[in-house]
Amino acid sequence: MRKHFTMFQEDLEKILDASKPVPAMWGNGGAKLFPTPQENANRAWAELGKKMGFNYLTVAPTGEGDRFFTAEQDLKLWAASQGHSPKASGGE
């Protein structure tokens, strides 16, 4: 179920900071030394999704401002963020 969310200003700043450029350096064998800005931003969205109870891969802007978005609610993450342990249902 898609739901409207509003993040705190601090959460927005964390995502924006994670999206900043990083040095592009590779070590021996072509292994990159630093995560890309995209990887950092994805990690920040995943952390926010866990905190607020949504699937970070389903985020879409609402057009109301940078702090407002919609996403598919993840009831297990939401329950965990509220201090509840979700009960397993049949088939899981």
PDB file of N, CA and C in Angstrom:
ATOM      1  N   MET A   1       0.844  -1.170   0.000  1.00  0.00           N
ATOM      2  CA  MET A   1       0.000   0.000   0.000  1.00  0.00           C
ATOM      3  C   MET A   1       0.897   1.244   0.000  1.00  0.00           C
ATOM      4  N   ARG A   2       0.689   2.128  -0.964  1.00  0.00           N
ATOM      5  CA  ARG A   2       1.450   3.367  -1.069  1.00  0.00           C
ATOM      6  C   ARG A   2       0.929   4.356  -0.023  1.00  0.00           C
ATOM      7  N   LYS A   3       1.859   5.037   0.621  1.00  0.00           N
ATOM      8  CA  LYS A   3       1.514   5.946   1.706  1.00  0.00           C
ATOM      9  C   LYS A   3       2.350   7.220   1.581  1.00  0.00           C
ATOM     10  N   HIS A   4       1.814   8.335   2.055  1.00  0.00           N
ATOM     11  CA  HIS A   4       2.564   9.600   2.092  1.00  0.00           C
ATOM     12  C   HIS A   4       3.447   9.629   3.340  1.00  0.00           C
ATOM     13  N   PHE A   5       4.669  10.101   3.177  1.00  0.00           N
ATOM     14  CA  PHE A   5       5.619  10.223   4.276  1.00  0.00           C
ATOM     15  C   PHE A   5       6.200  11.628   4.282  1.00  0.00           C
ATOM     16  N   THR A   6       6.584  12.077   5.462  1.00  0.00           N
ATOM     17  CA  THR A   6       7.300  13.336   5.623  1.00  0.00           C
ATOM     18  C   THR A   6       8.516  13.065   6.489  1.00  0.00           C
ATOM     19  N   MET A   7       9.690  13.329   5.926  1.00  0.00           N
ATOM     20  CA  MET A   7      10.909  13.114   6.702  1.00  0.00           C
ATOM     21  C   MET A   7      11.276  14.382   7.455  1.00  0.00           C
ATOM     22  N   PHE A   8      12.058  14.236   8.506  1.00  0.00           N
ATOM     23  CA  PHE A   8      12.566  15.385   9.242  1.00  0.00           C
ATOM     24  C   PHE A   8      13.658  16.068   8.419  1.00  0.00           C
ATOM     25  N   GLN A   9      13.903  17.327   8.688  1.00  0.00           N
ATOM     26  CA  GLN A   9      14.956  18.068   8.003  1.00  0.00           C
ATOM     27  C   GLN A   9      16.308  17.372   8.170  1.00  0.00           C
ATOM     28  N   GLU A  10      16.562  16.819   9.341  1.00  0.00           N
ATOM     29  CA  GLU A  10      17.824  16.113   9.585  1.00  0.00           C
ATOM     30  C   GLU A  10      17.967  14.901   8.661  1.00  0.00           C
ATOM     31  N   ASP A  11      16.857  14.209   8.402  1.00  0.00           N
ATOM     32  CA  ASP A  11      16.885  13.058   7.497  1.00  0.00           C
ATOM     33  C   ASP A  11      17.208  13.505   6.074  1.00  0.00           C
ATOM     34  N   LEU A  12      16.603  14.619   5.648  1.00  0.00           N
ATOM     35  CA  LEU A  12      16.882  15.151   4.321  1.00  0.00           C
ATOM     36  C   LEU A  12      18.352  15.530   4.194  1.00  0.00           C
ATOM     37  N   GLU A  13      18.883  16.180   5.205  1.00  0.00           N
ATOM     38  CA  GLU A  13      20.292  16.582   5.171  1.00  0.00           C
ATOM     39  C   GLU A  13      21.214  15.364   5.088  1.00  0.00           C
ATOM     40  N   LYS A  14      20.850  14.289   5.764  1.00  0.00           N
ATOM     41  CA  LYS A  14      21.656  13.070   5.712  1.00  0.00           C
ATOM     42  C   LYS A  14      21.662  12.492   4.296  1.00  0.00           C
ATOM     43  N   ILE A  15      20.508  12.489   3.640  1.00  0.00           N
ATOM     44  CA  ILE A  15      20.427  11.977   2.271  1.00  0.00           C
ATOM     45  C   ILE A  15      21.210  12.877   1.314  1.00  0.00           C
ATOM     46  N   LEU A  16      21.069  14.193   1.475  1.00  0.00           N
ATOM     47  CA  LEU A  16      21.804  15.120   0.615  1.00  0.00           C
ATOM     48  C   LEU A  16      23.311  14.992   0.825  1.00  0.00           C
ATOM     49  N   ASP A  17      23.741  14.844   2.069  1.00  0.00           N
ATOM     50  CA  ASP A  17      25.166  14.654   2.356  1.00  0.00           C
ATOM     51  C   ASP A  17      25.677  13.355   1.741  1.00  0.00           C
ATOM     52  N   ALA A  18      24.872  12.314   1.809  1.00  0.00           N
ATOM     53  CA  ALA A  18      25.284  11.021   1.249  1.00  0.00           C
ATOM     54  C   ALA A  18      25.428  11.093  -0.266  1.00  0.00           C
ATOM     55  N   SER A  19      24.737  12.033  -0.898  1.00  0.00           N
ATOM     56  CA  SER A  19      24.748  12.151  -2.355  1.00  0.00           C
ATOM     57  C   SER A  19      25.900  13.002  -2.883  1.00  0.00           C
ATOM     58  N   LYS A  20      26.690  13.579  -1.999  1.00  0.00           N
ATOM     59  CA  LYS A  20      27.791  14.440  -2.434  1.00  0.00           C
ATOM     60  C   LYS A  20      28.872  13.627  -3.137  1.00  0.00           C
ATOM     61  N   PRO A  21      29.599  14.282  -4.042  1.00  0.00           N
ATOM     62  CA  PRO A  21      30.680  13.582  -4.754  1.00  0.00           C
ATOM     63  C   PRO A  21      31.737  13.038  -3.800  1.00  0.00           C
ATOM     64  N   VAL A  22      32.333  11.940  -4.202  1.00  0.00           N
ATOM     65  CA  VAL A  22      33.425  11.314  -3.454  1.00  0.00           C
ATOM     66  C   VAL A  22      34.580  11.098  -4.423  1.00  0.00           C
ATOM     67  N   PRO A  23      35.808  10.939  -3.914  1.00  0.00           N
ATOM     68  CA  PRO A  23      36.933  10.686  -4.806  1.00  0.00           C
ATOM     69  C   PRO A  23      36.726   9.392  -5.606  1.00  0.00           C
ATOM     70  N   ALA A  24      37.046   9.448  -6.875  1.00  0.00           N
ATOM     71  CA  ALA A  24      36.965   8.259  -7.724  1.00  0.00           C
ATOM     72  C   ALA A  24      38.357   7.651  -7.791  1.00  0.00           C
ATOM     73  N   MET A  25      38.592   6.670  -6.943  1.00  0.00           N
ATOM     74  CA  MET A  25      39.908   6.035  -6.876  1.00  0.00           C
ATOM     75  C   MET A  25      39.729   4.523  -6.875  1.00  0.00           C
ATOM     76  N   TRP A  26      40.633   3.866  -7.596  1.00  0.00           N
ATOM     77  CA  TRP A  26      40.606   2.415  -7.661  1.00  0.00           C
ATOM     78  C   TRP A  26      41.924   1.855  -7.163  1.00  0.00           C
ATOM     79  N   GLY A  27      41.847   0.734  -6.508  1.00  0.00           N
ATOM     80  CA  GLY A  27      43.038   0.064  -6.009  1.00  0.00           C
ATOM     81  C   GLY A  27      43.524  -0.974  -7.006  1.00  0.00           C
ATOM     82  N   ASN A  28      44.406  -1.803  -6.561  1.00  0.00           N
ATOM     83  CA  ASN A  28      44.929  -2.880  -7.404  1.00  0.00           C
ATOM     84  C   ASN A  28      43.802  -3.795  -7.853  1.00  0.00           C
ATOM     85  N   GLY A  29      43.879  -4.195  -9.082  1.00  0.00           N
ATOM     86  CA  GLY A  29      42.861  -5.097  -9.611  1.00  0.00           C
ATOM     87  C   GLY A  29      41.566  -4.400  -9.984  1.00  0.00           C
ATOM     88  N   GLY A  30      41.512  -3.080  -9.940  1.00  0.00           N
ATOM     89  CA  GLY A  30      40.322  -2.330 -10.340  1.00  0.00           C
ATOM     90  C   GLY A  30      39.253  -2.208  -9.280  1.00  0.00           C
ATOM     91  N   ALA A  31      39.547  -2.596  -8.055  1.00  0.00           N
ATOM     92  CA  ALA A  31      38.549  -2.478  -6.977  1.00  0.00           C
ATOM     93  C   ALA A  31      38.446  -1.017  -6.558  1.00  0.00           C
ATOM     94  N   LYS A  32      37.233  -0.490  -6.534  1.00  0.00           N
ATOM     95  CA  LYS A  32      37.065   0.906  -6.125  1.00  0.00           C
ATOM     96  C   LYS A  32      37.304   1.038  -4.624  1.00  0.00           C
ATOM     97  N   LEU A  33      37.859   2.179  -4.251  1.00  0.00           N
ATOM     98  CA  LEU A  33      38.219   2.404  -2.850  1.00  0.00           C
ATOM     99  C   LEU A  33      37.103   3.063  -2.052  1.00  0.00           C
ATOM    100  N   PHE A  34      36.187   3.757  -2.724  1.00  0.00           N
ATOM    101  CA  PHE A  34      35.100   4.472  -2.043  1.00  0.00           C
ATOM    102  C   PHE A  34      33.770   4.120  -2.697  1.00  0.00           C
ATOM    103  N   PRO A  35      32.701   4.048  -1.919  1.00  0.00           N
ATOM    104  CA  PRO A  35      31.384   3.853  -2.517  1.00  0.00           C
ATOM    105  C   PRO A  35      31.021   5.087  -3.356  1.00  0.00           C
ATOM    106  N   THR A  36      30.208   4.870  -4.383  1.00  0.00           N
ATOM    107  CA  THR A  36      29.774   5.978  -5.235  1.00  0.00           C
ATOM    108  C   THR A  36      28.715   6.807  -4.501  1.00  0.00           C
ATOM    109  N   PRO A  37      28.471   8.043  -4.960  1.00  0.00           N
ATOM    110  CA  PRO A  37      27.389   8.827  -4.363  1.00  0.00           C
ATOM    111  C   PRO A  37      26.042   8.112  -4.450  1.00  0.00           C
ATOM    112  N   GLN A  38      25.805   7.387  -5.547  1.00  0.00           N
ATOM    113  CA  GLN A  38      24.546   6.649  -5.681  1.00  0.00           C
ATOM    114  C   GLN A  38      24.443   5.568  -4.616  1.00  0.00           C
ATOM    115  N   GLU A  39      25.519   4.835  -4.390  1.00  0.00           N
ATOM    116  CA  GLU A  39      25.516   3.794  -3.365  1.00  0.00           C
ATOM    117  C   GLU A  39      25.303   4.399  -1.981  1.00  0.00           C
ATOM    118  N   ASN A  40      25.941   5.530  -1.723  1.00  0.00           N
ATOM    119  CA  ASN A  40      25.767   6.214  -0.431  1.00  0.00           C
ATOM    120  C   ASN A  40      24.330   6.694  -0.257  1.00  0.00           C
ATOM    121  N   ALA A  41      23.755   7.274  -1.326  1.00  0.00           N
ATOM    122  CA  ALA A  41      22.371   7.746  -1.251  1.00  0.00           C
ATOM    123  C   ALA A  41      21.413   6.580  -1.044  1.00  0.00           C
ATOM    124  N   ASN A  42      21.638   5.483  -1.759  1.00  0.00           N
ATOM    125  CA  ASN A  42      20.779   4.304  -1.587  1.00  0.00           C
ATOM    126  C   ASN A  42      20.846   3.789  -0.149  1.00  0.00           C
ATOM    127  N   ARG A  43      22.038   3.788   0.419  1.00  0.00           N
ATOM    128  CA  ARG A  43      22.204   3.344   1.811  1.00  0.00           C
ATOM    129  C   ARG A  43      21.432   4.271   2.762  1.00  0.00           C
ATOM    130  N   ALA A  44      21.513   5.576   2.521  1.00  0.00           N
ATOM    131  CA  ALA A  44      20.798   6.539   3.375  1.00  0.00           C
ATOM    132  C   ALA A  44      19.285   6.342   3.259  1.00  0.00           C
ATOM    133  N   TRP A  45      18.783   6.115   2.022  1.00  0.00           N
ATOM    134  CA  TRP A  45      17.348   5.867   1.845  1.00  0.00           C
ATOM    135  C   TRP A  45      16.939   4.559   2.522  1.00  0.00           C
ATOM    136  N   ALA A  46      17.783   3.543   2.441  1.00  0.00           N
ATOM    137  CA  ALA A  46      17.468   2.259   3.082  1.00  0.00           C
ATOM    138  C   ALA A  46      17.370   2.430   4.598  1.00  0.00           C
ATOM    139  N   GLU A  47      18.280   3.196   5.176  1.00  0.00           N
ATOM    140  CA  GLU A  47      18.233   3.451   6.627  1.00  0.00           C
ATOM    141  C   GLU A  47      16.973   4.212   7.004  1.00  0.00           C
ATOM    142  N   LEU A  48      16.608   5.216   6.190  1.00  0.00           N
ATOM    143  CA  LEU A  48      15.387   5.975   6.465  1.00  0.00           C
ATOM    144  C   LEU A  48      14.160   5.078   6.323  1.00  0.00           C
ATOM    145  N   GLY A  49      14.162   4.203   5.312  1.00  0.00           N
ATOM    146  CA  GLY A  49      13.049   3.269   5.130  1.00  0.00           C
ATOM    147  C   GLY A  49      12.886   2.350   6.324  1.00  0.00           C
ATOM    148  N   LYS A  50      14.007   1.890   6.856  1.00  0.00           N
ATOM    149  CA  LYS A  50      13.942   1.030   8.044  1.00  0.00           C
ATOM    150  C   LYS A  50      13.395   1.809   9.236  1.00  0.00           C
ATOM    151  N   LYS A  51      13.831   3.056   9.374  1.00  0.00           N
ATOM    152  CA  LYS A  51      13.398   3.901  10.484  1.00  0.00           C
ATOM    153  C   LYS A  51      11.909   4.245  10.399  1.00  0.00           C
ATOM    154  N   MET A  52      11.431   4.545   9.172  1.00  0.00           N
ATOM    155  CA  MET A  52      10.056   5.018   9.002  1.00  0.00           C
ATOM    156  C   MET A  52       9.086   3.933   8.530  1.00  0.00           C
ATOM    157  N   GLY A  53       9.610   2.765   8.141  1.00  0.00           N
ATOM    158  CA  GLY A  53       8.734   1.659   7.762  1.00  0.00           C
ATOM    159  C   GLY A  53       8.259   1.677   6.320  1.00  0.00           C
ATOM    160  N   PHE A  54       9.165   1.957   5.353  1.00  0.00           N
ATOM    161  CA  PHE A  54       8.792   1.893   3.940  1.00  0.00           C
ATOM    162  C   PHE A  54       9.887   1.196   3.142  1.00  0.00           C
ATOM    163  N   ASN A  55       9.501   0.701   1.969  1.00  0.00           N
ATOM    164  CA  ASN A  55      10.444   0.084   1.045  1.00  0.00           C
ATOM    165  C   ASN A  55      11.139   1.207   0.287  1.00  0.00           C
ATOM    166  N   TYR A  56      12.428   1.392   0.529  1.00  0.00           N
ATOM    167  CA  TYR A  56      13.144   2.530  -0.057  1.00  0.00           C
ATOM    168  C   TYR A  56      13.224   2.451  -1.583  1.00  0.00           C
ATOM    169  N   LEU A  57      13.027   1.293  -2.167  1.00  0.00           N
ATOM    170  CA  LEU A  57      13.068   1.150  -3.619  1.00  0.00           C
ATOM    171  C   LEU A  57      11.805   1.675  -4.293  1.00  0.00           C
ATOM    172  N   THR A  58      10.777   2.004  -3.514  1.00  0.00           N
ATOM    173  CA  THR A  58       9.498   2.460  -4.079  1.00  0.00           C
ATOM    174  C   THR A  58       9.248   3.946  -3.873  1.00  0.00           C
ATOM    175  N   VAL A  59      10.242   4.689  -3.408  1.00  0.00           N
ATOM    176  CA  VAL A  59      10.073   6.119  -3.112  1.00  0.00           C
ATOM    177  C   VAL A  59       9.782   6.904  -4.384  1.00  0.00           C
ATOM    178  N   ALA A  60       8.802   7.813  -4.301  1.00  0.00           N
ATOM    179  CA  ALA A  60       8.472   8.720  -5.403  1.00  0.00           C
ATOM    180  C   ALA A  60       8.161  10.092  -4.810  1.00  0.00           C
ATOM    181  N   PRO A  61       8.599  11.169  -5.484  1.00  0.00           N
ATOM    182  CA  PRO A  61       8.315  12.514  -4.973  1.00  0.00           C
ATOM    183  C   PRO A  61       6.833  12.847  -5.097  1.00  0.00           C
ATOM    184  N   THR A  62       6.387  13.754  -4.227  1.00  0.00           N
ATOM    185  CA  THR A  62       4.984  14.193  -4.298  1.00  0.00           C
ATOM    186  C   THR A  62       4.838  15.531  -5.003  1.00  0.00           C
ATOM    187  N   GLY A  63       5.943  16.268  -5.147  1.00  0.00           N
ATOM    188  CA  GLY A  63       5.880  17.608  -5.726  1.00  0.00           C
ATOM    189  C   GLY A  63       5.581  18.666  -4.689  1.00  0.00           C
ATOM    190  N   GLU A  64       5.492  18.265  -3.416  1.00  0.00           N
ATOM    191  CA  GLU A  64       5.164  19.199  -2.336  1.00  0.00           C
ATOM    192  C   GLU A  64       6.406  19.780  -1.676  1.00  0.00           C
ATOM    193  N   GLY A  65       7.586  19.277  -2.015  1.00  0.00           N
ATOM    194  CA  GLY A  65       8.825  19.733  -1.392  1.00  0.00           C
ATOM    195  C   GLY A  65       9.753  18.556  -1.183  1.00  0.00           C
ATOM    196  N   ASP A  66      10.983  18.857  -0.842  1.00  0.00           N
ATOM    197  CA  ASP A  66      12.007  17.817  -0.733  1.00  0.00           C
ATOM    198  C   ASP A  66      11.757  16.813   0.386  1.00  0.00           C
ATOM    199  N   ARG A  67      11.040  17.200   1.420  1.00  0.00           N
ATOM    200  CA  ARG A  67      10.843  16.312   2.569  1.00  0.00           C
ATOM    201  C   ARG A  67       9.622  15.408   2.431  1.00  0.00           C
ATOM    202  N   PHE A  68       8.858  15.567   1.363  1.00  0.00           N
ATOM    203  CA  PHE A  68       7.592  14.848   1.205  1.00  0.00           C
ATOM    204  C   PHE A  68       7.694  13.851   0.060  1.00  0.00           C
ATOM    205  N   PHE A  69       7.236  12.621   0.300  1.00  0.00           N
ATOM    206  CA  PHE A  69       7.312  11.574  -0.710  1.00  0.00           C
ATOM    207  C   PHE A  69       6.278  10.506  -0.413  1.00  0.00           C
ATOM    208  N   THR A  70       6.066   9.640  -1.386  1.00  0.00           N
ATOM    209  CA  THR A  70       5.235   8.467  -1.177  1.00  0.00           C
ATOM    210  C   THR A  70       6.116   7.239  -1.344  1.00  0.00           C
ATOM    211  N   ALA A  71       5.707   6.152  -0.731  1.00  0.00           N
ATOM    212  CA  ALA A  71       6.412   4.873  -0.847  1.00  0.00           C
ATOM    213  C   ALA A  71       5.483   3.769  -0.397  1.00  0.00           C
ATOM    214  N   GLU A  72       5.845   2.561  -0.778  1.00  0.00           N
ATOM    215  CA  GLU A  72       5.101   1.394  -0.322  1.00  0.00           C
ATOM    216  C   GLU A  72       5.460   1.139   1.140  1.00  0.00           C
ATOM    217  N   GLN A  73       4.454   1.121   1.991  1.00  0.00           N
ATOM    218  CA  GLN A  73       4.690   0.856   3.403  1.00  0.00           C
ATOM    219  C   GLN A  73       5.097  -0.595   3.592  1.00  0.00           C
ATOM    220  N   ASP A  74       6.123  -0.815   4.379  1.00  0.00           N
ATOM    221  CA  ASP A  74       6.571  -2.162   4.737  1.00  0.00           C
ATOM    222  C   ASP A  74       6.143  -2.385   6.176  1.00  0.00           C
ATOM    223  N   LEU A  75       5.085  -3.157   6.349  1.00  0.00           N
ATOM    224  CA  LEU A  75       4.495  -3.317   7.680  1.00  0.00           C
ATOM    225  C   LEU A  75       5.457  -3.956   8.672  1.00  0.00           C
ATOM    226  N   LYS A  76       6.329  -4.842   8.210  1.00  0.00           N
ATOM    227  CA  LYS A  76       7.304  -5.448   9.119  1.00  0.00           C
ATOM    228  C   LYS A  76       8.292  -4.395   9.607  1.00  0.00           C
ATOM    229  N   LEU A  77       8.782  -3.566   8.686  1.00  0.00           N
ATOM    230  CA  LEU A  77       9.704  -2.498   9.098  1.00  0.00           C
ATOM    231  C   LEU A  77       8.999  -1.505  10.004  1.00  0.00           C
ATOM    232  N   TRP A  78       7.746  -1.178   9.666  1.00  0.00           N
ATOM    233  CA  TRP A  78       6.997  -0.217  10.479  1.00  0.00           C
ATOM    234  C   TRP A  78       6.808  -0.762  11.891  1.00  0.00           C
ATOM    235  N   ALA A  79       6.421  -2.031  12.009  1.00  0.00           N
ATOM    236  CA  ALA A  79       6.206  -2.626  13.329  1.00  0.00           C
ATOM    237  C   ALA A  79       7.506  -2.611  14.131  1.00  0.00           C
ATOM    238  N   ALA A  80       8.612  -2.945  13.475  1.00  0.00           N
ATOM    239  CA  ALA A  80       9.904  -2.950  14.160  1.00  0.00           C
ATOM    240  C   ALA A  80      10.276  -1.535  14.601  1.00  0.00           C
ATOM    241  N   SER A  81       9.968  -0.528  13.768  1.00  0.00           N
ATOM    242  CA  SER A  81      10.302   0.849  14.129  1.00  0.00           C
ATOM    243  C   SER A  81       9.444   1.353  15.287  1.00  0.00           C
ATOM    244  N   GLN A  82       8.305   0.697  15.517  1.00  0.00           N
ATOM    245  CA  GLN A  82       7.417   1.080  16.615  1.00  0.00           C
ATOM    246  C   GLN A  82       7.686   0.260  17.869  1.00  0.00           C
ATOM    247  N   GLY A  83       8.674  -0.618  17.797  1.00  0.00           N
ATOM    248  CA  GLY A  83       9.026  -1.431  18.956  1.00  0.00           C
ATOM    249  C   GLY A  83       8.211  -2.708  19.082  1.00  0.00           C
ATOM    250  N   HIS A  84       7.531  -3.088  18.018  1.00  0.00           N
ATOM    251  CA  HIS A  84       6.741  -4.322  18.020  1.00  0.00           C
ATOM    252  C   HIS A  84       7.454  -5.364  17.181  1.00  0.00           C
ATOM    253  N   SER A  85       7.332  -6.611  17.567  1.00  0.00           N
ATOM    254  CA  SER A  85       7.855  -7.670  16.724  1.00  0.00           C
ATOM    255  C   SER A  85       6.679  -8.262  15.959  1.00  0.00           C
ATOM    256  N   PRO A  86       6.722  -8.163  14.623  1.00  0.00           N
ATOM    257  CA  PRO A  86       5.584  -8.674  13.833  1.00  0.00           C
ATOM    258  C   PRO A  86       5.485 -10.186  13.944  1.00  0.00           C
ATOM    259  N   LYS A  87       4.261 -10.663  13.959  1.00  0.00           N
ATOM    260  CA  LYS A  87       4.029 -12.102  14.021  1.00  0.00           C
ATOM    261  C   LYS A  87       4.073 -12.660  12.607  1.00  0.00           C
ATOM    262  N   ALA A  88       4.706 -13.774  12.456  1.00  0.00           N
ATOM    263  CA  ALA A  88       4.777 -14.401  11.136  1.00  0.00           C
ATOM    264  C   ALA A  88       3.416 -14.946  10.782  1.00  0.00           C
ATOM    265  N   SER A  89       3.047 -14.771   9.526  1.00  0.00           N
ATOM    266  CA  SER A  89       1.779 -15.331   9.055  1.00  0.00           C
ATOM    267  C   SER A  89       2.106 -16.536   8.203  1.00  0.00           C
ATOM    268  N   GLY A  90       1.116 -17.342   7.929  1.00  0.00           N
ATOM    269  CA  GLY A  90       1.324 -18.532   7.133  1.00  0.00           C
ATOM    270  C   GLY A  90       1.903 -18.210   5.766  1.00  0.00           C
ATOM    271  N   GLY A  91       2.780 -19.070   5.276  1.00  0.00           N
ATOM    272  CA  GLY A  91       3.349 -18.882   3.954  1.00  0.00           C
ATOM    273  C   GLY A  91       4.612 -18.061   3.938  1.00  0.00           C
ATOM    274  N   GLU A  92       5.071 -17.532   5.068  1.00  0.00           N
ATOM    275  CA  GLU A  92       6.304 -16.732   5.093  1.00  0.00           C
ATOM    276  C   GLU A  92       7.450 -17.539   5.599  1.00  0.00           C
TER     277      GLU A  92
END
